[in-house]
Amino acid sequence: MDLEHEQRLTAVEERSKSNTKRLDKLEASTEAINRIATNMEVMAERQEQVAERQEHMAESVDKLDGKVTALEQKPAKRWEGMVDKAIGALIGGLIAFVLFQLGLG
């Protein structure tokens, strides 16, 4: 083998070693990127689950809010009913008194 071929072969071998090192680094980077992608998928799935739970909780809160509102209104409705009955009784008593005073009762 002549000198020119030997020099070219040496250069190719050096380039091959350099390329091998670069490929090794590239493989490590690719593996890291794959791990990141997998982690992102897992995080996205978890985020979807959290969003579903939050939606369910919001629905539950809305239901509870309606129930609490109904419970809050119940005593007020009772009070209004009692006041209506008391006013009716007073008006009835007043009418009876007037009729009695007029001698119609």
PDB file of N, CA and C in Angstrom:
ATOM      1  N   MET A   1       0.853  -1.156   0.000  1.00  0.00           N
ATOM      2  CA  MET A   1       0.000   0.000   0.000  1.00  0.00           C
ATOM      3  C   MET A   1       0.903   1.224   0.000  1.00  0.00           C
ATOM      4  N   ASP A   2       0.517   2.154  -0.770  1.00  0.00           N
ATOM      5  CA  ASP A   2       1.364   3.340  -0.857  1.00  0.00           C
ATOM      6  C   ASP A   2       0.975   4.352   0.219  1.00  0.00           C
ATOM      7  N   LEU A   3       1.751   5.373   0.353  1.00  0.00           N
ATOM      8  CA  LEU A   3       1.609   6.367   1.418  1.00  0.00           C
ATOM      9  C   LEU A   3       0.275   7.109   1.330  1.00  0.00           C
ATOM     10  N   GLU A   4      -0.133   7.431   0.131  1.00  0.00           N
ATOM     11  CA  GLU A   4      -1.386   8.182  -0.045  1.00  0.00           C
ATOM     12  C   GLU A   4      -2.578   7.357   0.449  1.00  0.00           C
ATOM     13  N   HIS A   5      -2.604   6.085   0.106  1.00  0.00           N
ATOM     14  CA  HIS A   5      -3.697   5.230   0.554  1.00  0.00           C
ATOM     15  C   HIS A   5      -3.685   5.049   2.067  1.00  0.00           C
ATOM     16  N   GLU A   6      -2.491   4.931   2.615  1.00  0.00           N
ATOM     17  CA  GLU A   6      -2.367   4.768   4.058  1.00  0.00           C
ATOM     18  C   GLU A   6      -2.872   6.016   4.792  1.00  0.00           C
ATOM     19  N   GLN A   7      -2.519   7.187   4.266  1.00  0.00           N
ATOM     20  CA  GLN A   7      -2.987   8.437   4.886  1.00  0.00           C
ATOM     21  C   GLN A   7      -4.512   8.559   4.776  1.00  0.00           C
ATOM     22  N   ARG A   8      -5.042   8.205   3.641  1.00  0.00           N
ATOM     23  CA  ARG A   8      -6.507   8.268   3.467  1.00  0.00           C
ATOM     24  C   ARG A   8      -7.202   7.275   4.398  1.00  0.00           C
ATOM     25  N   LEU A   9      -6.639   6.072   4.531  1.00  0.00           N
ATOM     26  CA  LEU A   9      -7.214   5.073   5.415  1.00  0.00           C
ATOM     27  C   LEU A   9      -7.173   5.538   6.872  1.00  0.00           C
ATOM     28  N   THR A  10      -6.070   6.148   7.274  1.00  0.00           N
ATOM     29  CA  THR A  10      -5.937   6.685   8.630  1.00  0.00           C
ATOM     30  C   THR A  10      -6.974   7.780   8.865  1.00  0.00           C
ATOM     31  N   ALA A  11      -7.165   8.655   7.899  1.00  0.00           N
ATOM     32  CA  ALA A  11      -8.154   9.741   8.024  1.00  0.00           C
ATOM     33  C   ALA A  11      -9.567   9.179   8.133  1.00  0.00           C
ATOM     34  N   VAL A  12      -9.850   8.128   7.341  1.00  0.00           N
ATOM     35  CA  VAL A  12     -11.176   7.505   7.393  1.00  0.00           C
ATOM     36  C   VAL A  12     -11.396   6.842   8.753  1.00  0.00           C
ATOM     37  N   GLU A  13     -10.391   6.189   9.290  1.00  0.00           N
ATOM     38  CA  GLU A  13     -10.510   5.549  10.603  1.00  0.00           C
ATOM     39  C   GLU A  13     -10.737   6.594  11.694  1.00  0.00           C
ATOM     40  N   GLU A  14     -10.027   7.718  11.629  1.00  0.00           N
ATOM     41  CA  GLU A  14     -10.207   8.785  12.609  1.00  0.00           C
ATOM     42  C   GLU A  14     -11.624   9.363  12.507  1.00  0.00           C
ATOM     43  N   ARG A  15     -12.071   9.570  11.289  1.00  0.00           N
ATOM     44  CA  ARG A  15     -13.423  10.088  11.079  1.00  0.00           C
ATOM     45  C   ARG A  15     -14.450   9.075  11.585  1.00  0.00           C
ATOM     46  N   SER A  16     -14.178   7.796  11.397  1.00  0.00           N
ATOM     47  CA  SER A  16     -15.075   6.745  11.870  1.00  0.00           C
ATOM     48  C   SER A  16     -15.174   6.769  13.392  1.00  0.00           C
ATOM     49  N   LYS A  17     -14.042   6.917  14.083  1.00  0.00           N
ATOM     50  CA  LYS A  17     -14.047   6.999  15.544  1.00  0.00           C
ATOM     51  C   LYS A  17     -14.824   8.235  16.005  1.00  0.00           C
ATOM     52  N   SER A  18     -14.589   9.351  15.337  1.00  0.00           N
ATOM     53  CA  SER A  18     -15.288  10.591  15.674  1.00  0.00           C
ATOM     54  C   SER A  18     -16.796  10.421  15.468  1.00  0.00           C
ATOM     55  N   ASN A  19     -17.172   9.805  14.357  1.00  0.00           N
ATOM     56  CA  ASN A  19     -18.591   9.583  14.066  1.00  0.00           C
ATOM     57  C   ASN A  19     -19.220   8.628  15.084  1.00  0.00           C
ATOM     58  N   THR A  20     -18.446   7.622  15.518  1.00  0.00           N
ATOM     59  CA  THR A  20     -18.939   6.681  16.512  1.00  0.00           C
ATOM     60  C   THR A  20     -19.237   7.411  17.820  1.00  0.00           C
ATOM     61  N   LYS A  21     -18.325   8.284  18.236  1.00  0.00           N
ATOM     62  CA  LYS A  21     -18.554   9.065  19.455  1.00  0.00           C
ATOM     63  C   LYS A  21     -19.790   9.952  19.305  1.00  0.00           C
ATOM     64  N   ARG A  22     -19.934  10.590  18.150  1.00  0.00           N
ATOM     65  CA  ARG A  22     -21.088  11.460  17.915  1.00  0.00           C
ATOM     66  C   ARG A  22     -22.391  10.650  17.920  1.00  0.00           C
ATOM     67  N   LEU A  23     -22.349   9.449  17.330  1.00  0.00           N
ATOM     68  CA  LEU A  23     -23.539   8.601  17.328  1.00  0.00           C
ATOM     69  C   LEU A  23     -23.900   8.156  18.744  1.00  0.00           C
ATOM     70  N   ASP A  24     -22.893   7.849  19.559  1.00  0.00           N
ATOM     71  CA  ASP A  24     -23.154   7.472  20.942  1.00  0.00           C
ATOM     72  C   ASP A  24     -23.842   8.612  21.699  1.00  0.00           C
ATOM     73  N   LYS A  25     -23.333   9.837  21.493  1.00  0.00           N
ATOM     74  CA  LYS A  25     -23.960  11.001  22.131  1.00  0.00           C
ATOM     75  C   LYS A  25     -25.389  11.193  21.609  1.00  0.00           C
ATOM     76  N   LEU A  26     -25.564  10.987  20.319  1.00  0.00           N
ATOM     77  CA  LEU A  26     -26.886  11.153  19.712  1.00  0.00           C
ATOM     78  C   LEU A  26     -27.866  10.113  20.262  1.00  0.00           C
ATOM     79  N   GLU A  27     -27.401   8.888  20.451  1.00  0.00           N
ATOM     80  CA  GLU A  27     -28.253   7.846  21.029  1.00  0.00           C
ATOM     81  C   GLU A  27     -28.679   8.233  22.446  1.00  0.00           C
ATOM     82  N   ALA A  28     -27.742   8.750  23.228  1.00  0.00           N
ATOM     83  CA  ALA A  28     -28.068   9.163  24.593  1.00  0.00           C
ATOM     84  C   ALA A  28     -29.100  10.302  24.561  1.00  0.00           C
ATOM     85  N   SER A  29     -28.918  11.241  23.647  1.00  0.00           N
ATOM     86  CA  SER A  29     -29.874  12.349  23.522  1.00  0.00           C
ATOM     87  C   SER A  29     -31.242  11.833  23.100  1.00  0.00           C
ATOM     88  N   THR A  30     -31.252  10.899  22.169  1.00  0.00           N
ATOM     89  CA  THR A  30     -32.515  10.329  21.698  1.00  0.00           C
ATOM     90  C   THR A  30     -33.236   9.609  22.829  1.00  0.00           C
ATOM     91  N   GLU A  31     -32.512   8.870  23.628  1.00  0.00           N
ATOM     92  CA  GLU A  31     -33.109   8.189  24.772  1.00  0.00           C
ATOM     93  C   GLU A  31     -33.696   9.197  25.759  1.00  0.00           C
ATOM     94  N   ALA A  32     -32.968  10.285  25.996  1.00  0.00           N
ATOM     95  CA  ALA A  32     -33.463  11.321  26.908  1.00  0.00           C
ATOM     96  C   ALA A  32     -34.735  11.951  26.347  1.00  0.00           C
ATOM     97  N   ILE A  33     -34.748  12.202  25.057  1.00  0.00           N
ATOM     98  CA  ILE A  33     -35.938  12.786  24.423  1.00  0.00           C
ATOM     99  C   ILE A  33     -37.112  11.820  24.524  1.00  0.00           C
ATOM    100  N   ASN A  34     -36.861  10.535  24.317  1.00  0.00           N
ATOM    101  CA  ASN A  34     -37.930   9.535  24.450  1.00  0.00           C
ATOM    102  C   ASN A  34     -38.475   9.494  25.876  1.00  0.00           C
ATOM    103  N   ARG A  35     -37.586   9.593  26.871  1.00  0.00           N
ATOM    104  CA  ARG A  35     -38.049   9.614  28.261  1.00  0.00           C
ATOM    105  C   ARG A  35     -38.895  10.858  28.528  1.00  0.00           C
ATOM    106  N   ILE A  36     -38.467  11.987  27.992  1.00  0.00           N
ATOM    107  CA  ILE A  36     -39.235  13.227  28.165  1.00  0.00           C
ATOM    108  C   ILE A  36     -40.608  13.084  27.516  1.00  0.00           C
ATOM    109  N   ALA A  37     -40.639  12.521  26.313  1.00  0.00           N
ATOM    110  CA  ALA A  37     -41.920  12.341  25.619  1.00  0.00           C
ATOM    111  C   ALA A  37     -42.848  11.425  26.416  1.00  0.00           C
ATOM    112  N   THR A  38     -42.287  10.356  26.961  1.00  0.00           N
ATOM    113  CA  THR A  38     -43.088   9.434  27.776  1.00  0.00           C
ATOM    114  C   THR A  38     -43.617  10.140  29.020  1.00  0.00           C
ATOM    115  N   ASN A  39     -42.760  10.909  29.672  1.00  0.00           N
ATOM    116  CA  ASN A  39     -43.194  11.658  30.855  1.00  0.00           C
ATOM    117  C   ASN A  39     -44.293  12.655  30.505  1.00  0.00           C
ATOM    118  N   MET A  40     -44.165  13.296  29.356  1.00  0.00           N
ATOM    119  CA  MET A  40     -45.187  14.260  28.925  1.00  0.00           C
ATOM    120  C   MET A  40     -46.523  13.549  28.692  1.00  0.00           C
ATOM    121  N   GLU A  41     -46.482  12.370  28.116  1.00  0.00           N
ATOM    122  CA  GLU A  41     -47.719  11.604  27.901  1.00  0.00           C
ATOM    123  C   GLU A  41     -48.376  11.256  29.231  1.00  0.00           C
ATOM    124  N   VAL A  42     -47.559  10.816  30.180  1.00  0.00           N
ATOM    125  CA  VAL A  42     -48.082  10.467  31.510  1.00  0.00           C
ATOM    126  C   VAL A  42     -48.678  11.706  32.175  1.00  0.00           C
ATOM    127  N   MET A  43     -47.981  12.835  32.071  1.00  0.00           N
ATOM    128  CA  MET A  43     -48.481  14.076  32.664  1.00  0.00           C
ATOM    129  C   MET A  43     -49.786  14.508  32.001  1.00  0.00           C
ATOM    130  N   ALA A  44     -49.892  14.348  30.694  1.00  0.00           N
ATOM    131  CA  ALA A  44     -51.117  14.723  29.988  1.00  0.00           C
ATOM    132  C   ALA A  44     -52.287  13.845  30.440  1.00  0.00           C
ATOM    133  N   GLU A  45     -52.034  12.551  30.598  1.00  0.00           N
ATOM    134  CA  GLU A  45     -53.084  11.648  31.085  1.00  0.00           C
ATOM    135  C   GLU A  45     -53.521  12.037  32.498  1.00  0.00           C
ATOM    136  N   ARG A  46     -52.560  12.343  33.335  1.00  0.00           N
ATOM    137  CA  ARG A  46     -52.896  12.746  34.710  1.00  0.00           C
ATOM    138  C   ARG A  46     -53.671  14.055  34.710  1.00  0.00           C
ATOM    139  N   GLN A  47     -53.280  14.979  33.837  1.00  0.00           N
ATOM    140  CA  GLN A  47     -53.984  16.257  33.747  1.00  0.00           C
ATOM    141  C   GLN A  47     -55.428  16.038  33.317  1.00  0.00           C
ATOM    142  N   GLU A  48     -55.649  15.114  32.382  1.00  0.00           N
ATOM    143  CA  GLU A  48     -57.013  14.796  31.963  1.00  0.00           C
ATOM    144  C   GLU A  48     -57.817  14.232  33.126  1.00  0.00           C
ATOM    145  N   GLN A  49     -57.186  13.362  33.910  1.00  0.00           N
ATOM    146  CA  GLN A  49     -57.866  12.787  35.067  1.00  0.00           C
ATOM    147  C   GLN A  49     -58.208  13.870  36.089  1.00  0.00           C
ATOM    148  N   VAL A  50     -57.276  14.790  36.304  1.00  0.00           N
ATOM    149  CA  VAL A  50     -57.523  15.892  37.243  1.00  0.00           C
ATOM    150  C   VAL A  50     -58.659  16.757  36.733  1.00  0.00           C
ATOM    151  N   ALA A  51     -58.674  17.033  35.436  1.00  0.00           N
ATOM    152  CA  ALA A  51     -59.740  17.861  34.862  1.00  0.00           C
ATOM    153  C   ALA A  51     -61.096  17.179  35.023  1.00  0.00           C
ATOM    154  N   GLU A  52     -61.131  15.862  34.823  1.00  0.00           N
ATOM    155  CA  GLU A  52     -62.387  15.124  35.013  1.00  0.00           C
ATOM    156  C   GLU A  52     -62.841  15.189  36.464  1.00  0.00           C
ATOM    157  N   ARG A  53     -61.902  15.038  37.389  1.00  0.00           N
ATOM    158  CA  ARG A  53     -62.248  15.117  38.812  1.00  0.00           C
ATOM    159  C   ARG A  53     -62.756  16.513  39.168  1.00  0.00           C
ATOM    160  N   GLN A  54     -62.096  17.538  38.618  1.00  0.00           N
ATOM    161  CA  GLN A  54     -62.529  18.901  38.900  1.00  0.00           C
ATOM    162  C   GLN A  54     -63.930  19.149  38.353  1.00  0.00           C
ATOM    163  N   GLU A  55     -64.204  18.617  37.182  1.00  0.00           N
ATOM    164  CA  GLU A  55     -65.536  18.776  36.598  1.00  0.00           C
ATOM    165  C   GLU A  55     -66.577  18.079  37.480  1.00  0.00           C
ATOM    166  N   HIS A  56     -66.251  16.881  37.931  1.00  0.00           N
ATOM    167  CA  HIS A  56     -67.164  16.147  38.815  1.00  0.00           C
ATOM    168  C   HIS A  56     -67.378  16.911  40.118  1.00  0.00           C
ATOM    169  N   MET A  57     -66.301  17.466  40.662  1.00  0.00           N
ATOM    170  CA  MET A  57     -66.409  18.229  41.900  1.00  0.00           C
ATOM    171  C   MET A  57     -67.257  19.482  41.686  1.00  0.00           C
ATOM    172  N   ALA A  58     -67.098  20.135  40.544  1.00  0.00           N
ATOM    173  CA  ALA A  58     -67.897  21.328  40.258  1.00  0.00           C
ATOM    174  C   ALA A  58     -69.375  20.979  40.184  1.00  0.00           C
ATOM    175  N   GLU A  59     -69.691  19.838  39.567  1.00  0.00           N
ATOM    176  CA  GLU A  59     -71.081  19.394  39.505  1.00  0.00           C
ATOM    177  C   GLU A  59     -71.617  19.114  40.916  1.00  0.00           C
ATOM    178  N   SER A  60     -70.806  18.471  41.735  1.00  0.00           N
ATOM    179  CA  SER A  60     -71.214  18.171  43.110  1.00  0.00           C
ATOM    180  C   SER A  60     -71.433  19.454  43.901  1.00  0.00           C
ATOM    181  N   VAL A  61     -70.550  20.418  43.715  1.00  0.00           N
ATOM    182  CA  VAL A  61     -70.691  21.697  44.415  1.00  0.00           C
ATOM    183  C   VAL A  61     -71.975  22.396  43.977  1.00  0.00           C
ATOM    184  N   ASP A  62     -72.275  22.352  42.683  1.00  0.00           N
ATOM    185  CA  ASP A  62     -73.508  22.963  42.189  1.00  0.00           C
ATOM    186  C   ASP A  62     -74.734  22.306  42.816  1.00  0.00           C
ATOM    187  N   LYS A  63     -74.717  20.963  42.897  1.00  0.00           N
ATOM    188  CA  LYS A  63     -75.839  20.247  43.529  1.00  0.00           C
ATOM    189  C   LYS A  63     -75.976  20.643  44.996  1.00  0.00           C
ATOM    190  N   LEU A  64     -74.840  20.670  45.692  1.00  0.00           N
ATOM    191  CA  LEU A  64     -74.870  21.036  47.106  1.00  0.00           C
ATOM    192  C   LEU A  64     -75.339  22.475  47.294  1.00  0.00           C
ATOM    193  N   ASP A  65     -74.931  23.347  46.399  1.00  0.00           N
ATOM    194  CA  ASP A  65     -75.359  24.742  46.477  1.00  0.00           C
ATOM    195  C   ASP A  65     -76.879  24.842  46.361  1.00  0.00           C
ATOM    196  N   GLY A  66     -77.459  24.078  45.438  1.00  0.00           N
ATOM    197  CA  GLY A  66     -78.910  24.069  45.279  1.00  0.00           C
ATOM    198  C   GLY A  66     -79.604  23.546  46.533  1.00  0.00           C
ATOM    199  N   LYS A  67     -79.040  22.497  47.124  1.00  0.00           N
ATOM    200  CA  LYS A  67     -79.623  21.931  48.334  1.00  0.00           C
ATOM    201  C   LYS A  67     -79.527  22.916  49.502  1.00  0.00           C
ATOM    202  N   VAL A  68     -78.391  23.571  49.639  1.00  0.00           N
ATOM    203  CA  VAL A  68     -78.211  24.541  50.719  1.00  0.00           C
ATOM    204  C   VAL A  68     -79.177  25.708  50.541  1.00  0.00           C
ATOM    205  N   THR A  69     -79.324  26.174  49.314  1.00  0.00           N
ATOM    206  CA  THR A  69     -80.258  27.271  49.041  1.00  0.00           C
ATOM    207  C   THR A  69     -81.678  26.868  49.426  1.00  0.00           C
ATOM    208  N   ALA A  70     -82.066  25.642  49.077  1.00  0.00           N
ATOM    209  CA  ALA A  70     -83.404  25.166  49.423  1.00  0.00           C
ATOM    210  C   ALA A  70     -83.572  25.096  50.933  1.00  0.00           C
ATOM    211  N   LEU A  71     -82.551  24.623  51.634  1.00  0.00           N
ATOM    212  CA  LEU A  71     -82.621  24.550  53.098  1.00  0.00           C
ATOM    213  C   LEU A  71     -82.679  25.938  53.732  1.00  0.00           C
ATOM    214  N   GLU A  72     -81.965  26.884  53.145  1.00  0.00           N
ATOM    215  CA  GLU A  72     -81.995  28.245  53.671  1.00  0.00           C
ATOM    216  C   GLU A  72     -83.366  28.875  53.481  1.00  0.00           C
ATOM    217  N   GLN A  73     -84.021  28.545  52.401  1.00  0.00           N
ATOM    218  CA  GLN A  73     -85.319  29.152  52.094  1.00  0.00           C
ATOM    219  C   GLN A  73     -86.457  28.519  52.899  1.00  0.00           C
ATOM    220  N   LYS A  74     -86.271  27.320  53.362  1.00  0.00           N
ATOM    221  CA  LYS A  74     -87.346  26.606  54.070  1.00  0.00           C
ATOM    222  C   LYS A  74     -87.830  27.360  55.314  1.00  0.00           C
ATOM    223  N   PRO A  75     -86.953  27.807  56.225  1.00  0.00           N
ATOM    224  CA  PRO A  75     -87.442  28.556  57.396  1.00  0.00           C
ATOM    225  C   PRO A  75     -88.133  29.869  56.995  1.00  0.00           C
ATOM    226  N   ALA A  76     -87.618  30.515  55.969  1.00  0.00           N
ATOM    227  CA  ALA A  76     -88.244  31.768  55.531  1.00  0.00           C
ATOM    228  C   ALA A  76     -89.657  31.498  55.021  1.00  0.00           C
ATOM    229  N   LYS A  77     -89.843  30.402  54.306  1.00  0.00           N
ATOM    230  CA  LYS A  77     -91.181  30.052  53.810  1.00  0.00           C
ATOM    231  C   LYS A  77     -92.115  29.742  54.974  1.00  0.00           C
ATOM    232  N   ARG A  78     -91.613  29.048  55.990  1.00  0.00           N
ATOM    233  CA  ARG A  78     -92.430  28.753  57.174  1.00  0.00           C
ATOM    234  C   ARG A  78     -92.853  30.055  57.855  1.00  0.00           C
ATOM    235  N   TRP A  79     -91.883  30.946  58.025  1.00  0.00           N
ATOM    236  CA  TRP A  79     -92.165  32.216  58.681  1.00  0.00           C
ATOM    237  C   TRP A  79     -93.210  33.003  57.890  1.00  0.00           C
ATOM    238  N   GLU A  80     -93.040  33.039  56.571  1.00  0.00           N
ATOM    239  CA  GLU A  80     -94.011  33.743  55.731  1.00  0.00           C
ATOM    240  C   GLU A  80     -95.396  33.122  55.875  1.00  0.00           C
ATOM    241  N   GLY A  81     -95.475  31.796  55.942  1.00  0.00           N
ATOM    242  CA  GLY A  81     -96.753  31.104  56.125  1.00  0.00           C
ATOM    243  C   GLY A  81     -97.386  31.453  57.461  1.00  0.00           C
ATOM    244  N   MET A  82     -96.557  31.497  58.498  1.00  0.00           N
ATOM    245  CA  MET A  82     -97.084  31.840  59.822  1.00  0.00           C
ATOM    246  C   MET A  82     -97.578  33.287  59.847  1.00  0.00           C
ATOM    247  N   VAL A  83     -96.833  34.170  59.225  1.00  0.00           N
ATOM    248  CA  VAL A  83     -97.237  35.573  59.177  1.00  0.00           C
ATOM    249  C   VAL A  83     -98.545  35.709  58.404  1.00  0.00           C
ATOM    250  N   ASP A  84     -98.658  35.002  57.272  1.00  0.00           N
ATOM    251  CA  ASP A  84     -99.911  35.041  56.498  1.00  0.00           C
ATOM    252  C   ASP A  84    -101.090  34.560  57.341  1.00  0.00           C
ATOM    253  N   LYS A  85    -100.900  33.470  58.075  1.00  0.00           N
ATOM    254  CA  LYS A  85    -101.977  32.933  58.919  1.00  0.00           C
ATOM    255  C   LYS A  85    -102.318  33.901  60.041  1.00  0.00           C
ATOM    256  N   ALA A  86    -101.317  34.516  60.638  1.00  0.00           N
ATOM    257  CA  ALA A  86    -101.560  35.467  61.720  1.00  0.00           C
ATOM    258  C   ALA A  86    -102.328  36.679  61.197  1.00  0.00           C
ATOM    259  N   ILE A  87    -101.934  37.181  60.024  1.00  0.00           N
ATOM    260  CA  ILE A  87    -102.638  38.321  59.440  1.00  0.00           C
ATOM    261  C   ILE A  87    -104.076  37.931  59.111  1.00  0.00           C
ATOM    262  N   GLY A  88    -104.275  36.741  58.572  1.00  0.00           N
ATOM    263  CA  GLY A  88    -105.629  36.252  58.277  1.00  0.00           C
ATOM    264  C   GLY A  88    -106.476  36.151  59.537  1.00  0.00           C
ATOM    265  N   ALA A  89    -105.862  35.645  60.595  1.00  0.00           N
ATOM    266  CA  ALA A  89    -106.589  35.523  61.863  1.00  0.00           C
ATOM    267  C   ALA A  89    -106.941  36.902  62.408  1.00  0.00           C
ATOM    268  N   LEU A  90    -106.025  37.853  62.332  1.00  0.00           N
ATOM    269  CA  LEU A  90    -106.297  39.222  62.805  1.00  0.00           C
ATOM    270  C   LEU A  90    -107.420  39.869  61.992  1.00  0.00           C
ATOM    271  N   ILE A  91    -107.346  39.691  60.672  1.00  0.00           N
ATOM    272  CA  ILE A  91    -108.389  40.272  59.818  1.00  0.00           C
ATOM    273  C   ILE A  91    -109.736  39.614  60.121  1.00  0.00           C
ATOM    274  N   GLY A  92    -109.748  38.296  60.284  1.00  0.00           N
ATOM    275  CA  GLY A  92    -110.980  37.580  60.621  1.00  0.00           C
ATOM    276  C   GLY A  92    -111.534  38.055  61.959  1.00  0.00           C
ATOM    277  N   GLY A  93    -110.651  38.217  62.950  1.00  0.00           N
ATOM    278  CA  GLY A  93    -111.061  38.700  64.264  1.00  0.00           C
ATOM    279  C   GLY A  93    -111.600  40.121  64.184  1.00  0.00           C
ATOM    280  N   LEU A  94    -110.951  40.947  63.387  1.00  0.00           N
ATOM    281  CA  LEU A  94    -111.385  42.330  63.217  1.00  0.00           C
ATOM    282  C   LEU A  94    -112.770  42.391  62.564  1.00  0.00           C
ATOM    283  N   ILE A  95    -112.971  41.575  61.555  1.00  0.00           N
ATOM    284  CA  ILE A  95    -114.274  41.534  60.878  1.00  0.00           C
ATOM    285  C   ILE A  95    -115.347  41.045  61.851  1.00  0.00           C
ATOM    286  N   ALA A  96    -115.011  40.020  62.647  1.00  0.00           N
ATOM    287  CA  ALA A  96    -115.971  39.501  63.628  1.00  0.00           C
ATOM    288  C   ALA A  96    -116.299  40.581  64.662  1.00  0.00           C
ATOM    289  N   PHE A  97    -115.275  41.315  65.102  1.00  0.00           N
ATOM    290  CA  PHE A  97    -115.498  42.378  66.072  1.00  0.00           C
ATOM    291  C   PHE A  97    -116.408  43.463  65.500  1.00  0.00           C
ATOM    292  N   VAL A  98    -116.134  43.866  64.241  1.00  0.00           N
ATOM    293  CA  VAL A  98    -116.954  44.897  63.602  1.00  0.00           C
ATOM    294  C   VAL A  98    -118.387  44.409  63.454  1.00  0.00           C
ATOM    295  N   LEU A  99    -118.552  43.166  63.026  1.00  0.00           N
ATOM    296  CA  LEU A  99    -119.897  42.613  62.864  1.00  0.00           C
ATOM    297  C   LEU A  99    -120.608  42.536  64.208  1.00  0.00           C
ATOM    298  N   PHE A 100    -119.883  42.159  65.243  1.00  0.00           N
ATOM    299  CA  PHE A 100    -120.476  42.076  66.574  1.00  0.00           C
ATOM    300  C   PHE A 100    -120.898  43.462  67.062  1.00  0.00           C
ATOM    301  N   GLN A 101    -120.031  44.443  66.792  1.00  0.00           N
ATOM    302  CA  GLN A 101    -120.353  45.809  67.202  1.00  0.00           C
ATOM    303  C   GLN A 101    -121.568  46.365  66.453  1.00  0.00           C
ATOM    304  N   LEU A 102    -121.736  45.934  65.235  1.00  0.00           N
ATOM    305  CA  LEU A 102    -122.866  46.385  64.435  1.00  0.00           C
ATOM    306  C   LEU A 102    -124.138  45.592  64.786  1.00  0.00           C
ATOM    307  N   GLY A 103    -123.980  44.601  65.593  1.00  0.00           N
ATOM    308  CA  GLY A 103    -125.106  43.799  65.997  1.00  0.00           C
ATOM    309  C   GLY A 103    -125.466  42.740  64.996  1.00  0.00           C
ATOM    310  N   LEU A 104    -124.567  42.458  64.103  1.00  0.00           N
ATOM    311  CA  LEU A 104    -124.830  41.435  63.082  1.00  0.00           C
ATOM    312  C   LEU A 104    -124.272  40.084  63.503  1.00  0.00           C
ATOM    313  N   GLY A 105    -123.590  40.025  64.551  1.00  0.00           N
ATOM    314  CA  GLY A 105    -122.953  38.785  64.929  1.00  0.00           C
ATOM    315  C   GLY A 105    -123.555  38.094  66.083  1.00  0.00           C
TER     316      GLY A 105
END
